[in-house]
Amino acid sequence: MKTIAFLLHNNFEQAEYEDVNNQLKEKGYKTILITTNKDKEVQAMNQDVNKGDTFTADIFANEAKADEYDALVLPGGTVNADTIRGNKEAHSIINAVYEAGKPLAVICHAPWVLINTGIAKGKNLTAYHSLQTDLENAGANFIDETVQVDGNLITSRNPDDIDNFVEAIDKALS
């Protein structure tokens, strides 16, 4: 059974974790939740303004090992993405997964993180529309489509695109 890790911090977009996680489990994948928080309780948000549910992470980012996962998913949420983009422990696991050629699946505001990790430059990708200028300034080729796949990098725009995002992850792992 293949294992897919989710990496997040407080204030992530609930649907981009919960719905993606549930669909991947339905397809037979094992999932694990990694956090950059100081404790394992992680607060979700809905549309960045309404508190969602609280989830319990399995491990902390500094304990994560890229060789234990077949793919890594970064849910969005403005505050979540902005926090992770400045977290060196998160960058380590993200870059290790990406450099190992494993699928790195990033949705909504999470492609912001790709700027700080150095992955965005030269890549065809999509994201939440407000990130277009930031990503282009970082050297990415922004394409406004539901999902964009460039090598082992999978990007998607927002919760409306979750079904296509999950299909792209599943295809990359098949």
Protein backbone atom coordinates (compact mmCIF):
# COMPACT_ATOMS: atom_id res chain seq x y z
CA MET A 1 0.00 0.00 0.00
CA LYS A 2 1.39 3.38 -0.99
CA THR A 3 1.62 6.13 1.61
CA ILE A 4 0.78 9.76 0.93
CA ALA A 5 1.84 12.42 3.43
CA PHE A 6 0.07 15.73 3.98
CA LEU A 7 2.13 18.63 5.34
CA LEU A 8 0.32 21.50 7.01
CA HIS A 9 0.21 24.14 9.71
CA ASN A 10 -2.70 25.83 11.48
CA ASN A 11 -5.23 27.64 9.28
CA PHE A 12 -5.06 25.26 6.32
CA GLU A 13 -8.08 25.00 4.02
CA GLN A 14 -10.13 22.12 5.44
CA ALA A 15 -11.53 20.79 2.15
CA GLU A 16 -8.06 20.71 0.59
CA TYR A 17 -6.95 18.33 3.33
CA GLU A 18 -10.08 16.46 4.35
CA ASP A 19 -11.70 15.92 0.94
CA VAL A 20 -8.40 15.05 -0.76
CA ASN A 21 -7.46 12.74 2.12
CA ASN A 22 -10.83 10.95 2.03
CA GLN A 23 -10.74 10.46 -1.75
CA LEU A 24 -7.19 9.10 -1.62
CA LYS A 25 -8.13 6.67 1.18
CA GLU A 26 -11.12 5.51 -0.90
CA LYS A 27 -8.63 4.72 -3.69
CA GLY A 28 -6.65 2.51 -1.28
CA TYR A 29 -3.84 4.83 -0.20
CA LYS A 30 -2.56 5.11 3.35
CA THR A 31 -2.23 8.73 4.48
CA ILE A 32 -0.24 10.43 7.20
CA LEU A 33 -0.50 13.97 8.55
CA ILE A 34 2.70 15.94 9.21
CA THR A 35 2.64 19.32 10.93
CA THR A 36 4.98 22.24 11.47
CA ASN A 37 2.96 23.26 14.56
CA LYS A 38 4.45 23.13 18.05
CA ASP A 39 1.78 20.61 19.03
CA LYS A 40 -0.04 17.96 17.03
CA GLU A 41 -3.47 19.62 17.08
CA VAL A 42 -3.98 21.46 13.80
CA GLN A 43 -6.79 23.97 13.19
CA ALA A 44 -8.54 23.97 9.82
CA MET A 45 -10.26 26.97 8.24
CA ASN A 46 -13.00 27.32 5.66
CA GLN A 47 -12.39 30.03 3.03
CA ASP A 48 -9.65 31.45 5.29
CA VAL A 49 -12.18 33.13 7.62
CA ASN A 50 -14.36 30.51 9.33
CA LYS A 51 -12.86 28.05 11.79
CA GLY A 52 -13.18 24.48 10.68
CA ASP A 53 -12.41 21.25 12.49
CA THR A 54 -9.29 20.37 14.44
CA PHE A 55 -7.18 17.42 13.29
CA THR A 56 -4.41 15.52 15.07
CA ALA A 57 -1.14 15.14 13.19
CA ASP A 58 0.76 11.86 13.22
CA ILE A 59 4.23 13.41 13.36
CA PHE A 60 6.12 16.70 13.37
CA ALA A 61 7.94 17.97 10.28
CA ASN A 62 11.35 17.49 11.92
CA GLU A 63 10.55 13.76 12.27
CA ALA A 64 9.44 13.28 8.67
CA LYS A 65 11.56 11.18 6.31
CA ALA A 66 10.96 11.51 2.57
CA ASP A 67 11.84 7.86 1.91
CA GLU A 68 8.80 6.77 3.97
CA TYR A 69 6.27 8.43 1.64
CA ASP A 70 5.31 7.83 -1.97
CA ALA A 71 3.94 11.36 -2.42
CA LEU A 72 3.53 14.61 -0.52
CA VAL A 73 0.45 16.87 -0.59
CA LEU A 74 0.45 20.52 0.49
CA PRO A 75 -3.07 21.86 1.13
CA GLY A 76 -3.65 25.59 0.83
CA GLY A 77 -5.05 28.19 3.14
CA THR A 78 -3.38 31.60 3.05
CA VAL A 79 -1.93 31.56 6.58
CA ASN A 80 -0.93 27.89 6.34
CA ALA A 81 0.95 28.44 3.08
CA ASP A 82 2.56 31.65 4.28
CA THR A 83 3.78 29.93 7.45
CA ILE A 84 5.14 26.87 5.65
CA ARG A 85 6.94 28.96 3.04
CA GLY A 86 9.13 30.33 5.84
CA ASN A 87 9.72 27.00 7.62
CA LYS A 88 13.10 25.36 6.91
CA GLU A 89 12.03 21.96 8.32
CA ALA A 90 9.10 21.96 5.91
CA HIS A 91 11.39 22.95 3.04
CA SER A 92 13.65 19.98 3.83
CA ILE A 93 10.89 17.39 3.48
CA ILE A 94 9.35 19.14 0.45
CA ASN A 95 12.66 19.31 -1.40
CA ALA A 96 13.61 15.75 -0.44
CA VAL A 97 10.35 14.36 -1.83
CA TYR A 98 10.60 16.47 -4.98
CA GLU A 99 14.27 15.65 -5.61
CA ALA A 100 13.53 11.93 -5.15
CA GLY A 101 11.16 12.20 -8.12
CA LYS A 102 8.07 11.46 -6.03
CA PRO A 103 4.82 13.31 -6.70
CA LEU A 104 4.61 16.68 -4.96
CA ALA A 105 0.96 17.78 -5.11
CA VAL A 106 0.24 21.41 -4.20
CA ILE A 107 -3.14 23.18 -4.25
CA CYS A 108 -4.56 26.72 -3.99
CA HIS A 109 -2.26 29.01 -1.95
CA ALA A 110 0.30 26.26 -1.25
CA PRO A 111 2.24 26.90 -4.51
CA TRP A 112 3.58 29.99 -2.70
CA VAL A 113 5.81 27.51 -0.86
CA LEU A 114 7.39 26.50 -4.18
CA ILE A 115 8.90 29.99 -4.48
CA ASN A 116 10.80 29.66 -1.19
CA THR A 117 11.91 26.08 -1.86
CA GLY A 118 13.26 27.04 -5.30
CA ILE A 119 10.98 24.56 -7.08
CA ALA A 120 8.76 27.12 -8.88
CA LYS A 121 11.40 28.49 -11.24
CA GLY A 122 10.93 27.23 -14.79
CA LYS A 123 7.86 25.12 -13.96
CA ASN A 124 4.45 25.10 -15.60
CA LEU A 125 1.99 25.38 -12.75
CA THR A 126 -1.32 26.69 -11.53
CA ALA A 127 -2.53 28.07 -8.21
CA TYR A 128 -5.10 30.35 -6.68
CA HIS A 129 -5.41 33.31 -9.08
CA SER A 130 -3.97 35.89 -6.64
CA LEU A 131 -0.60 34.07 -6.66
CA GLN A 132 -0.06 34.47 -10.41
CA THR A 133 2.21 37.54 -10.19
CA ASP A 134 4.30 36.12 -7.33
CA LEU A 135 4.80 32.83 -9.18
CA GLU A 136 5.64 34.52 -12.48
CA ASN A 137 8.11 36.82 -10.70
CA ALA A 138 9.73 33.67 -9.32
CA GLY A 139 10.19 32.34 -12.87
CA ALA A 140 7.19 30.00 -13.09
CA ASN A 141 4.92 29.73 -16.12
CA PHE A 142 1.42 30.26 -14.67
CA ILE A 143 -1.34 28.38 -16.50
CA ASP A 144 -4.95 28.90 -15.38
CA GLU A 145 -6.26 25.32 -15.58
CA THR A 146 -7.79 23.00 -12.98
CA VAL A 147 -4.62 20.93 -12.72
CA GLN A 148 -1.15 21.33 -14.13
CA VAL A 149 1.44 18.52 -14.13
CA ASP A 150 5.11 19.29 -14.78
CA GLY A 151 7.23 16.22 -14.18
CA ASN A 152 6.53 15.09 -10.61
CA LEU A 153 5.01 18.47 -9.66
CA ILE A 154 1.19 18.54 -9.56
CA THR A 155 -0.55 21.86 -8.92
CA SER A 156 -4.20 22.85 -8.69
CA ARG A 157 -6.16 26.08 -8.23
CA ASN A 158 -8.73 25.71 -5.43
CA PRO A 159 -11.25 23.41 -3.69
CA ASP A 160 -13.48 23.36 -6.79
CA ASP A 161 -10.72 21.40 -8.55
CA ILE A 162 -10.22 18.70 -5.90
CA ASP A 163 -11.61 15.80 -7.97
CA ASN A 164 -9.19 16.54 -10.84
CA PHE A 165 -6.36 17.11 -8.34
CA VAL A 166 -6.93 13.69 -6.74
CA GLU A 167 -7.10 12.02 -10.16
CA ALA A 168 -3.74 13.56 -11.09
CA ILE A 169 -2.18 12.31 -7.85
CA ASP A 170 -3.61 8.82 -8.41
CA LYS A 171 -2.37 8.77 -12.01
CA ALA A 172 1.13 9.86 -10.92
CA LEU A 173 1.27 6.99 -8.43
CA SER A 174 -0.09 4.33 -10.83
